[in-house]
PDB file of N, CA and C in Angstrom:
ATOM      1  N   MET A   1       0.853  -1.169   0.000  1.00  0.00           N
ATOM      2  CA  MET A   1       0.000   0.000   0.000  1.00  0.00           C
ATOM      3  C   MET A   1       0.898   1.231   0.000  1.00  0.00           C
ATOM      4  N   GLY A   2       0.650   2.111  -0.943  1.00  0.00           N
ATOM      5  CA  GLY A   2       1.477   3.293  -1.085  1.00  0.00           C
ATOM      6  C   GLY A   2       1.081   4.400  -0.122  1.00  0.00           C
ATOM      7  N   LEU A   3       1.939   5.390  -0.035  1.00  0.00           N
ATOM      8  CA  LEU A   3       1.714   6.523   0.854  1.00  0.00           C
ATOM      9  C   LEU A   3       0.444   7.292   0.474  1.00  0.00           C
ATOM     10  N   LEU A   4       0.195   7.441  -0.827  1.00  0.00           N
ATOM     11  CA  LEU A   4      -1.021   8.132  -1.274  1.00  0.00           C
ATOM     12  C   LEU A   4      -2.265   7.389  -0.808  1.00  0.00           C
ATOM     13  N   THR A   5      -2.246   6.078  -0.906  1.00  0.00           N
ATOM     14  CA  THR A   5      -3.403   5.285  -0.479  1.00  0.00           C
ATOM     15  C   THR A   5      -3.621   5.405   1.021  1.00  0.00           C
ATOM     16  N   ILE A   6      -2.538   5.352   1.785  1.00  0.00           N
ATOM     17  CA  ILE A   6      -2.647   5.488   3.246  1.00  0.00           C
ATOM     18  C   ILE A   6      -3.227   6.852   3.609  1.00  0.00           C
ATOM     19  N   ALA A   7      -2.738   7.893   2.942  1.00  0.00           N
ATOM     20  CA  ALA A   7      -3.244   9.235   3.210  1.00  0.00           C
ATOM     21  C   ALA A   7      -4.718   9.352   2.826  1.00  0.00           C
ATOM     22  N   ALA A   8      -5.100   8.741   1.712  1.00  0.00           N
ATOM     23  CA  ALA A   8      -6.500   8.795   1.265  1.00  0.00           C
ATOM     24  C   ALA A   8      -7.416   8.040   2.220  1.00  0.00           C
ATOM     25  N   VAL A   9      -6.966   6.907   2.736  1.00  0.00           N
ATOM     26  CA  VAL A   9      -7.762   6.143   3.704  1.00  0.00           C
ATOM     27  C   VAL A   9      -7.949   6.963   4.979  1.00  0.00           C
ATOM     28  N   ALA A  10      -6.863   7.556   5.465  1.00  0.00           N
ATOM     29  CA  ALA A  10      -6.944   8.371   6.686  1.00  0.00           C
ATOM     30  C   ALA A  10      -7.845   9.582   6.483  1.00  0.00           C
ATOM     31  N   ALA A  11      -7.698  10.247   5.340  1.00  0.00           N
ATOM     32  CA  ALA A  11      -8.533  11.416   5.061  1.00  0.00           C
ATOM     33  C   ALA A  11      -9.996  11.028   4.912  1.00  0.00           C
ATOM     34  N   GLY A  12     -10.247   9.907   4.252  1.00  0.00           N
ATOM     35  CA  GLY A  12     -11.626   9.451   4.091  1.00  0.00           C
ATOM     36  C   GLY A  12     -12.270   9.099   5.420  1.00  0.00           C
ATOM     37  N   ALA A  13     -11.529   8.402   6.265  1.00  0.00           N
ATOM     38  CA  ALA A  13     -12.061   8.007   7.567  1.00  0.00           C
ATOM     39  C   ALA A  13     -12.302   9.228   8.451  1.00  0.00           C
ATOM     40  N   GLY A  14     -11.291  10.076   8.563  1.00  0.00           N
ATOM     41  CA  GLY A  14     -11.430  11.266   9.401  1.00  0.00           C
ATOM     42  C   GLY A  14     -12.477  12.225   8.876  1.00  0.00           C
ATOM     43  N   GLY A  15     -12.490  12.403   7.569  1.00  0.00           N
ATOM     44  CA  GLY A  15     -13.469  13.305   6.969  1.00  0.00           C
ATOM     45  C   GLY A  15     -14.890  12.832   7.171  1.00  0.00           C
ATOM     46  N   ALA A  16     -15.108  11.544   7.031  1.00  0.00           N
ATOM     47  CA  ALA A  16     -16.463  10.998   7.204  1.00  0.00           C
ATOM     48  C   ALA A  16     -16.948  11.171   8.642  1.00  0.00           C
ATOM     49  N   VAL A  17     -16.075  10.894   9.606  1.00  0.00           N
ATOM     50  CA  VAL A  17     -16.458  11.034  11.018  1.00  0.00           C
ATOM     51  C   VAL A  17     -16.721  12.499  11.359  1.00  0.00           C
ATOM     52  N   ALA A  18     -15.894  13.390  10.827  1.00  0.00           N
ATOM     53  CA  ALA A  18     -16.077  14.815  11.103  1.00  0.00           C
ATOM     54  C   ALA A  18     -17.320  15.378  10.415  1.00  0.00           C
ATOM     55  N   ALA A  19     -17.630  14.881   9.230  1.00  0.00           N
ATOM     56  CA  ALA A  19     -18.755  15.425   8.462  1.00  0.00           C
ATOM     57  C   ALA A  19     -20.109  14.865   8.883  1.00  0.00           C
ATOM     58  N   ALA A  20     -20.136  13.710   9.502  1.00  0.00           N
ATOM     59  CA  ALA A  20     -21.416  13.071   9.838  1.00  0.00           C
ATOM     60  C   ALA A  20     -22.330  13.961  10.689  1.00  0.00           C
ATOM     61  N   PRO A  21     -21.849  14.583  11.764  1.00  0.00           N
ATOM     62  CA  PRO A  21     -22.756  15.462  12.538  1.00  0.00           C
ATOM     63  C   PRO A  21     -23.248  16.661  11.725  1.00  0.00           C
ATOM     64  N   LEU A  22     -22.392  17.183  10.862  1.00  0.00           N
ATOM     65  CA  LEU A  22     -22.793  18.296  10.008  1.00  0.00           C
ATOM     66  C   LEU A  22     -23.947  17.883   9.104  1.00  0.00           C
ATOM     67  N   PHE A  23     -23.827  16.715   8.466  1.00  0.00           N
ATOM     68  CA  PHE A  23     -24.874  16.248   7.579  1.00  0.00           C
ATOM     69  C   PHE A  23     -26.158  15.910   8.323  1.00  0.00           C
ATOM     70  N   LEU A  24     -26.044  15.411   9.556  1.00  0.00           N
ATOM     71  CA  LEU A  24     -27.255  15.177  10.352  1.00  0.00           C
ATOM     72  C   LEU A  24     -28.001  16.485  10.573  1.00  0.00           C
ATOM     73  N   GLY A  25     -27.257  17.526  10.937  1.00  0.00           N
ATOM     74  CA  GLY A  25     -27.865  18.831  11.160  1.00  0.00           C
ATOM     75  C   GLY A  25     -28.473  19.410   9.897  1.00  0.00           C
ATOM     76  N   LEU A  26     -27.748  19.285   8.780  1.00  0.00           N
ATOM     77  CA  LEU A  26     -28.274  19.792   7.511  1.00  0.00           C
ATOM     78  C   LEU A  26     -29.542  19.067   7.087  1.00  0.00           C
ATOM     79  N   ALA A  27     -29.647  17.798   7.439  1.00  0.00           N
ATOM     80  CA  ALA A  27     -30.838  17.019   7.100  1.00  0.00           C
ATOM     81  C   ALA A  27     -32.018  17.353   8.013  1.00  0.00           C
ATOM     82  N   GLY A  28     -31.731  18.024   9.145  1.00  0.00           N
ATOM     83  CA  GLY A  28     -32.796  18.424  10.056  1.00  0.00           C
ATOM     84  C   GLY A  28     -32.858  17.668  11.361  1.00  0.00           C
ATOM     85  N   PHE A  29     -31.899  16.792  11.618  1.00  0.00           N
ATOM     86  CA  PHE A  29     -31.841  16.065  12.891  1.00  0.00           C
ATOM     87  C   PHE A  29     -30.978  16.886  13.847  1.00  0.00           C
ATOM     88  N   THR A  30     -31.612  17.726  14.678  1.00  0.00           N
ATOM     89  CA  THR A  30     -30.872  18.672  15.509  1.00  0.00           C
ATOM     90  C   THR A  30     -30.965  18.307  16.990  1.00  0.00           C
ATOM     91  N   ALA A  31     -30.185  19.005  17.794  1.00  0.00           N
ATOM     92  CA  ALA A  31     -30.177  18.773  19.236  1.00  0.00           C
ATOM     93  C   ALA A  31     -31.504  19.154  19.878  1.00  0.00           C
ATOM     94  N   THR A  32     -32.261  20.036  19.233  1.00  0.00           N
ATOM     95  CA  THR A  32     -33.538  20.472  19.800  1.00  0.00           C
ATOM     96  C   THR A  32     -34.737  19.770  19.168  1.00  0.00           C
ATOM     97  N   GLY A  33     -34.488  18.811  18.298  1.00  0.00           N
ATOM     98  CA  GLY A  33     -35.572  18.079  17.663  1.00  0.00           C
ATOM     99  C   GLY A  33     -35.481  18.163  16.154  1.00  0.00           C
ATOM    100  N   ILE A  34     -36.468  17.630  15.499  1.00  0.00           N
ATOM    101  CA  ILE A  34     -36.486  17.622  14.043  1.00  0.00           C
ATOM    102  C   ILE A  34     -36.913  19.003  13.539  1.00  0.00           C
ATOM    103  N   ALA A  35     -36.108  19.549  12.630  1.00  0.00           N
ATOM    104  CA  ALA A  35     -36.367  20.884  12.092  1.00  0.00           C
ATOM    105  C   ALA A  35     -37.548  20.844  11.116  1.00  0.00           C
ATOM    106  N   ALA A  36     -38.387  21.859  11.211  1.00  0.00           N
ATOM    107  CA  ALA A  36     -39.557  21.957  10.337  1.00  0.00           C
ATOM    108  C   ALA A  36     -39.126  22.091   8.881  1.00  0.00           C
ATOM    109  N   SER A  37     -39.907  21.523   7.996  1.00  0.00           N
ATOM    110  CA  SER A  37     -39.696  21.609   6.541  1.00  0.00           C
ATOM    111  C   SER A  37     -38.346  21.064   6.091  1.00  0.00           C
ATOM    112  N   SER A  38     -37.838  20.087   6.784  1.00  0.00           N
ATOM    113  CA  SER A  38     -36.542  19.494   6.450  1.00  0.00           C
ATOM    114  C   SER A  38     -36.729  18.074   5.922  1.00  0.00           C
ATOM    115  N   LEU A  39     -35.632  17.503   5.445  1.00  0.00           N
ATOM    116  CA  LEU A  39     -35.642  16.102   5.047  1.00  0.00           C
ATOM    117  C   LEU A  39     -36.049  15.225   6.232  1.00  0.00           C
ATOM    118  N   ALA A  40     -35.554  15.559   7.408  1.00  0.00           N
ATOM    119  CA  ALA A  40     -35.898  14.795   8.609  1.00  0.00           C
ATOM    120  C   ALA A  40     -37.402  14.845   8.877  1.00  0.00           C
ATOM    121  N   ALA A  41     -38.012  16.013   8.687  1.00  0.00           N
ATOM    122  CA  ALA A  41     -39.459  16.145   8.901  1.00  0.00           C
ATOM    123  C   ALA A  41     -40.235  15.296   7.902  1.00  0.00           C
ATOM    124  N   SER A  42     -39.761  15.278   6.669  1.00  0.00           N
ATOM    125  CA  SER A  42     -40.403  14.452   5.654  1.00  0.00           C
ATOM    126  C   SER A  42     -40.275  12.973   6.001  1.00  0.00           C
ATOM    127  N   MET A  43     -39.090  12.568   6.424  1.00  0.00           N
ATOM    128  CA  MET A  43     -38.879  11.165   6.813  1.00  0.00           C
ATOM    129  C   MET A  43     -39.754  10.789   8.003  1.00  0.00           C
ATOM    130  N   MET A  44     -39.853  11.709   8.975  1.00  0.00           N
ATOM    131  CA  MET A  44     -40.659  11.444  10.159  1.00  0.00           C
ATOM    132  C   MET A  44     -42.135  11.312   9.784  1.00  0.00           C
ATOM    133  N   SER A  45     -42.607  12.175   8.909  1.00  0.00           N
ATOM    134  CA  SER A  45     -43.996  12.106   8.467  1.00  0.00           C
ATOM    135  C   SER A  45     -44.284  10.782   7.763  1.00  0.00           C
ATOM    136  N   THR A  46     -43.408  10.387   6.877  1.00  0.00           N
ATOM    137  CA  THR A  46     -43.583   9.123   6.150  1.00  0.00           C
ATOM    138  C   THR A  46     -43.589   7.941   7.107  1.00  0.00           C
ATOM    139  N   ALA A  47     -42.653   7.959   8.071  1.00  0.00           N
ATOM    140  CA  ALA A  47     -42.581   6.869   9.055  1.00  0.00           C
ATOM    141  C   ALA A  47     -43.834   6.829   9.921  1.00  0.00           C
ATOM    142  N   ALA A  48     -44.329   8.004  10.307  1.00  0.00           N
ATOM    143  CA  ALA A  48     -45.527   8.049  11.151  1.00  0.00           C
ATOM    144  C   ALA A  48     -46.744   7.528  10.409  1.00  0.00           C
ATOM    145  N   VAL A  49     -46.896   7.903   9.145  1.00  0.00           N
ATOM    146  CA  VAL A  49     -48.024   7.409   8.352  1.00  0.00           C
ATOM    147  C   VAL A  49     -47.942   5.890   8.211  1.00  0.00           C
ATOM    148  N   ALA A  50     -46.745   5.382   7.959  1.00  0.00           N
ATOM    149  CA  ALA A  50     -46.558   3.939   7.772  1.00  0.00           C
ATOM    150  C   ALA A  50     -46.815   3.159   9.059  1.00  0.00           C
ATOM    151  N   ASN A  51     -46.619   3.808  10.215  1.00  0.00           N
ATOM    152  CA  ASN A  51     -46.770   3.115  11.497  1.00  0.00           C
ATOM    153  C   ASN A  51     -48.035   3.508  12.249  1.00  0.00           C
ATOM    154  N   GLY A  52     -48.986   4.060  11.557  1.00  0.00           N
ATOM    155  CA  GLY A  52     -50.256   4.373  12.210  1.00  0.00           C
ATOM    156  C   GLY A  52     -50.208   5.589  13.116  1.00  0.00           C
ATOM    157  N   GLY A  53     -49.322   6.521  12.866  1.00  0.00           N
ATOM    158  CA  GLY A  53     -49.310   7.773  13.623  1.00  0.00           C
ATOM    159  C   GLY A  53     -48.097   8.001  14.491  1.00  0.00           C
ATOM    160  N   GLY A  54     -47.266   7.023  14.671  1.00  0.00           N
ATOM    161  CA  GLY A  54     -46.076   7.189  15.515  1.00  0.00           C
ATOM    162  C   GLY A  54     -44.833   6.718  14.806  1.00  0.00           C
ATOM    163  N   VAL A  55     -43.702   7.142  15.317  1.00  0.00           N
ATOM    164  CA  VAL A  55     -42.415   6.690  14.784  1.00  0.00           C
ATOM    165  C   VAL A  55     -41.926   5.557  15.677  1.00  0.00           C
ATOM    166  N   ALA A  56     -41.671   4.416  15.078  1.00  0.00           N
ATOM    167  CA  ALA A  56     -41.276   3.237  15.848  1.00  0.00           C
ATOM    168  C   ALA A  56     -39.892   3.417  16.478  1.00  0.00           C
ATOM    169  N   ALA A  57     -39.774   3.006  17.729  1.00  0.00           N
ATOM    170  CA  ALA A  57     -38.475   3.016  18.400  1.00  0.00           C
ATOM    171  C   ALA A  57     -37.535   2.083  17.643  1.00  0.00           C
ATOM    172  N   GLY A  58     -36.303   2.532  17.448  1.00  0.00           N
ATOM    173  CA  GLY A  58     -35.321   1.721  16.741  1.00  0.00           C
ATOM    174  C   GLY A  58     -35.364   1.879  15.236  1.00  0.00           C
ATOM    175  N   SER A  59     -36.309   2.675  14.728  1.00  0.00           N
ATOM    176  CA  SER A  59     -36.379   2.908  13.283  1.00  0.00           C
ATOM    177  C   SER A  59     -35.252   3.846  12.859  1.00  0.00           C
ATOM    178  N   LEU A  60     -35.033   3.949  11.555  1.00  0.00           N
ATOM    179  CA  LEU A  60     -33.980   4.821  11.049  1.00  0.00           C
ATOM    180  C   LEU A  60     -34.190   6.263  11.502  1.00  0.00           C
ATOM    181  N   VAL A  61     -35.421   6.739  11.443  1.00  0.00           N
ATOM    182  CA  VAL A  61     -35.711   8.118  11.867  1.00  0.00           C
ATOM    183  C   VAL A  61     -35.383   8.293  13.345  1.00  0.00           C
ATOM    184  N   ALA A  62     -35.783   7.339  14.162  1.00  0.00           N
ATOM    185  CA  ALA A  62     -35.511   7.423  15.601  1.00  0.00           C
ATOM    186  C   ALA A  62     -34.004   7.394  15.887  1.00  0.00           C
ATOM    187  N   LEU A  63     -33.285   6.522  15.193  1.00  0.00           N
ATOM    188  CA  LEU A  63     -31.836   6.444  15.410  1.00  0.00           C
ATOM    189  C   LEU A  63     -31.121   7.715  14.976  1.00  0.00           C
ATOM    190  N   LEU A  64     -31.522   8.254  13.821  1.00  0.00           N
ATOM    191  CA  LEU A  64     -30.883   9.492  13.344  1.00  0.00           C
ATOM    192  C   LEU A  64     -31.200  10.664  14.260  1.00  0.00           C
ATOM    193  N   GLN A  65     -32.436  10.741  14.780  1.00  0.00           N
ATOM    194  CA  GLN A  65     -32.761  11.833  15.690  1.00  0.00           C
ATOM    195  C   GLN A  65     -32.010  11.699  17.004  1.00  0.00           C
ATOM    196  N   ALA A  66     -31.858  10.477  17.486  1.00  0.00           N
ATOM    197  CA  ALA A  66     -31.080  10.269  18.707  1.00  0.00           C
ATOM    198  C   ALA A  66     -29.636  10.724  18.509  1.00  0.00           C
ATOM    199  N   ALA A  67     -29.073  10.403  17.346  1.00  0.00           N
ATOM    200  CA  ALA A  67     -27.700  10.826  17.046  1.00  0.00           C
ATOM    201  C   ALA A  67     -27.620  12.338  16.896  1.00  0.00           C
ATOM    202  N   GLY A  68     -28.636  12.952  16.299  1.00  0.00           N
ATOM    203  CA  GLY A  68     -28.654  14.405  16.164  1.00  0.00           C
ATOM    204  C   GLY A  68     -28.770  15.098  17.501  1.00  0.00           C
ATOM    205  N   ALA A  69     -29.500  14.505  18.422  1.00  0.00           N
ATOM    206  CA  ALA A  69     -29.722  15.113  19.732  1.00  0.00           C
ATOM    207  C   ALA A  69     -28.570  14.860  20.701  1.00  0.00           C
ATOM    208  N   ALA A  70     -28.073  13.642  20.731  1.00  0.00           N
ATOM    209  CA  ALA A  70     -27.086  13.268  21.753  1.00  0.00           C
ATOM    210  C   ALA A  70     -25.683  13.050  21.210  1.00  0.00           C
ATOM    211  N   GLY A  71     -25.531  13.089  19.899  1.00  0.00           N
ATOM    212  CA  GLY A  71     -24.226  12.806  19.305  1.00  0.00           C
ATOM    213  C   GLY A  71     -24.177  11.379  18.788  1.00  0.00           C
ATOM    214  N   ILE A  72     -23.220  11.144  17.932  1.00  0.00           N
ATOM    215  CA  ILE A  72     -23.088   9.828  17.311  1.00  0.00           C
ATOM    216  C   ILE A  72     -22.289   8.923  18.244  1.00  0.00           C
ATOM    217  N   PRO A  73     -22.834   7.757  18.588  1.00  0.00           N
ATOM    218  CA  PRO A  73     -22.108   6.839  19.481  1.00  0.00           C
ATOM    219  C   PRO A  73     -20.770   6.395  18.880  1.00  0.00           C
ATOM    220  N   VAL A  74     -19.847   6.030  19.741  1.00  0.00           N
ATOM    221  CA  VAL A  74     -18.497   5.652  19.310  1.00  0.00           C
ATOM    222  C   VAL A  74     -18.522   4.495  18.321  1.00  0.00           C
ATOM    223  N   ALA A  75     -19.365   3.511  18.557  1.00  0.00           N
ATOM    224  CA  ALA A  75     -19.429   2.368  17.640  1.00  0.00           C
ATOM    225  C   ALA A  75     -19.886   2.814  16.250  1.00  0.00           C
ATOM    226  N   ALA A  76     -20.838   3.722  16.209  1.00  0.00           N
ATOM    227  CA  ALA A  76     -21.299   4.234  14.918  1.00  0.00           C
ATOM    228  C   ALA A  76     -20.217   5.078  14.258  1.00  0.00           C
ATOM    229  N   GLN A  77     -19.456   5.841  15.062  1.00  0.00           N
ATOM    230  CA  GLN A  77     -18.341   6.620  14.507  1.00  0.00           C
ATOM    231  C   GLN A  77     -17.303   5.692  13.883  1.00  0.00           C
ATOM    232  N   ALA A  78     -17.060   4.554  14.515  1.00  0.00           N
ATOM    233  CA  ALA A  78     -16.107   3.587  13.966  1.00  0.00           C
ATOM    234  C   ALA A  78     -16.607   3.045  12.629  1.00  0.00           C
ATOM    235  N   ALA A  79     -17.892   2.745  12.558  1.00  0.00           N
ATOM    236  CA  ALA A  79     -18.457   2.239  11.300  1.00  0.00           C
ATOM    237  C   ALA A  79     -18.406   3.303  10.212  1.00  0.00           C
ATOM    238  N   ILE A  80     -18.740   4.538  10.561  1.00  0.00           N
ATOM    239  CA  ILE A  80     -18.676   5.645   9.598  1.00  0.00           C
ATOM    240  C   ILE A  80     -17.241   5.836   9.119  1.00  0.00           C
ATOM    241  N   GLY A  81     -16.287   5.771  10.039  1.00  0.00           N
ATOM    242  CA  GLY A  81     -14.879   5.901   9.672  1.00  0.00           C
ATOM    243  C   GLY A  81     -14.416   4.775   8.759  1.00  0.00           C
ATOM    244  N   ALA A  82     -14.893   3.569   9.025  1.00  0.00           N
ATOM    245  CA  ALA A  82     -14.512   2.431   8.185  1.00  0.00           C
ATOM    246  C   ALA A  82     -15.033   2.599   6.759  1.00  0.00           C
ATOM    247  N   VAL A  83     -16.258   3.071   6.637  1.00  0.00           N
ATOM    248  CA  VAL A  83     -16.817   3.300   5.302  1.00  0.00           C
ATOM    249  C   VAL A  83     -16.061   4.421   4.602  1.00  0.00           C
ATOM    250  N   GLY A  84     -15.802   5.507   5.313  1.00  0.00           N
ATOM    251  CA  GLY A  84     -15.056   6.624   4.730  1.00  0.00           C
ATOM    252  C   GLY A  84     -13.658   6.227   4.313  1.00  0.00           C
ATOM    253  N   GLY A  85     -12.994   5.444   5.143  1.00  0.00           N
ATOM    254  CA  GLY A  85     -11.655   4.970   4.800  1.00  0.00           C
ATOM    255  C   GLY A  85     -11.658   4.058   3.589  1.00  0.00           C
ATOM    256  N   THR A  86     -12.667   3.210   3.503  1.00  0.00           N
ATOM    257  CA  THR A  86     -12.797   2.322   2.346  1.00  0.00           C
ATOM    258  C   THR A  86     -13.002   3.124   1.060  1.00  0.00           C
ATOM    259  N   VAL A  87     -13.860   4.121   1.138  1.00  0.00           N
ATOM    260  CA  VAL A  87     -14.098   4.972  -0.033  1.00  0.00           C
ATOM    261  C   VAL A  87     -12.818   5.731  -0.402  1.00  0.00           C
ATOM    262  N   GLY A  88     -12.131   6.261   0.596  1.00  0.00           N
ATOM    263  CA  GLY A  88     -10.873   6.963   0.328  1.00  0.00           C
ATOM    264  C   GLY A  88      -9.840   6.068  -0.330  1.00  0.00           C
ATOM    265  N   GLY A  89      -9.718   4.850   0.157  1.00  0.00           N
ATOM    266  CA  GLY A  89      -8.785   3.903  -0.441  1.00  0.00           C
ATOM    267  C   GLY A  89      -9.174   3.524  -1.858  1.00  0.00           C
ATOM    268  N   ALA A  90     -10.467   3.356  -2.097  1.00  0.00           N
ATOM    269  CA  ALA A  90     -10.933   3.015  -3.442  1.00  0.00           C
ATOM    270  C   ALA A  90     -10.670   4.158  -4.419  1.00  0.00           C
ATOM    271  N   VAL A  91     -10.875   5.385  -3.963  1.00  0.00           N
ATOM    272  CA  VAL A  91     -10.606   6.541  -4.821  1.00  0.00           C
ATOM    273  C   VAL A  91      -9.124   6.623  -5.149  1.00  0.00           C
ATOM    274  N   ALA A  92      -8.270   6.406  -4.161  1.00  0.00           N
ATOM    275  CA  ALA A  92      -6.824   6.447  -4.404  1.00  0.00           C
ATOM    276  C   ALA A  92      -6.401   5.342  -5.353  1.00  0.00           C
ATOM    277  N   THR A  93      -6.952   4.174  -5.199  1.00  0.00           N
ATOM    278  CA  THR A  93      -6.623   3.052  -6.076  1.00  0.00           C
ATOM    279  C   THR A  93      -7.077   3.336  -7.512  1.00  0.00           C
ATOM    280  N   ALA A  94      -8.292   3.869  -7.650  1.00  0.00           N
ATOM    281  CA  ALA A  94      -8.799   4.207  -8.980  1.00  0.00           C
ATOM    282  C   ALA A  94      -7.957   5.294  -9.618  1.00  0.00           C
ATOM    283  N   ALA A  95      -7.547   6.276  -8.823  1.00  0.00           N
ATOM    284  CA  ALA A  95      -6.711   7.356  -9.353  1.00  0.00           C
ATOM    285  C   ALA A  95      -5.357   6.822  -9.804  1.00  0.00           C
ATOM    286  N   ALA A  96      -4.792   5.879  -9.049  1.00  0.00           N
ATOM    287  CA  ALA A  96      -3.488   5.311  -9.415  1.00  0.00           C
ATOM    288  C   ALA A  96      -3.587   4.512 -10.710  1.00  0.00           C
ATOM    289  N   ILE A  97      -4.713   3.847 -10.917  1.00  0.00           N
ATOM    290  CA  ILE A  97      -4.904   3.079 -12.145  1.00  0.00           C
ATOM    291  C   ILE A  97      -5.026   4.019 -13.349  1.00  0.00           C
ATOM    292  N   LEU A  98      -5.735   5.132 -13.161  1.00  0.00           N
ATOM    293  CA  LEU A  98      -5.973   6.065 -14.258  1.00  0.00           C
ATOM    294  C   LEU A  98      -4.756   6.910 -14.617  1.00  0.00           C
ATOM    295  N   ILE A  99      -3.873   7.075 -13.646  1.00  0.00           N
ATOM    296  CA  ILE A  99      -2.704   7.944 -13.903  1.00  0.00           C
ATOM    297  C   ILE A  99      -1.636   7.221 -14.657  1.00  0.00           C
TER     298      ILE A  99
END
């Protein structure tokens, strides 16, 4: 594994972990609740209609709101970092092939 690939994996992992809370907020999953007229509000409405008026505990909407309110748990940060690192490594590998 070359130095460029190592750097890309590290950047992908770190960038993904750092960006995840930002994207949660932009989607409308905030510390004070789901923001009106947001993607999160749309998801919550769809989930509530599908579940007869409520959002099921453990559903994607519930998990994302919990992360938006309380922060992303360490285990989830590790998974996000692993995905980001994998993407970073794949991009570096593809770039090396094309160059």
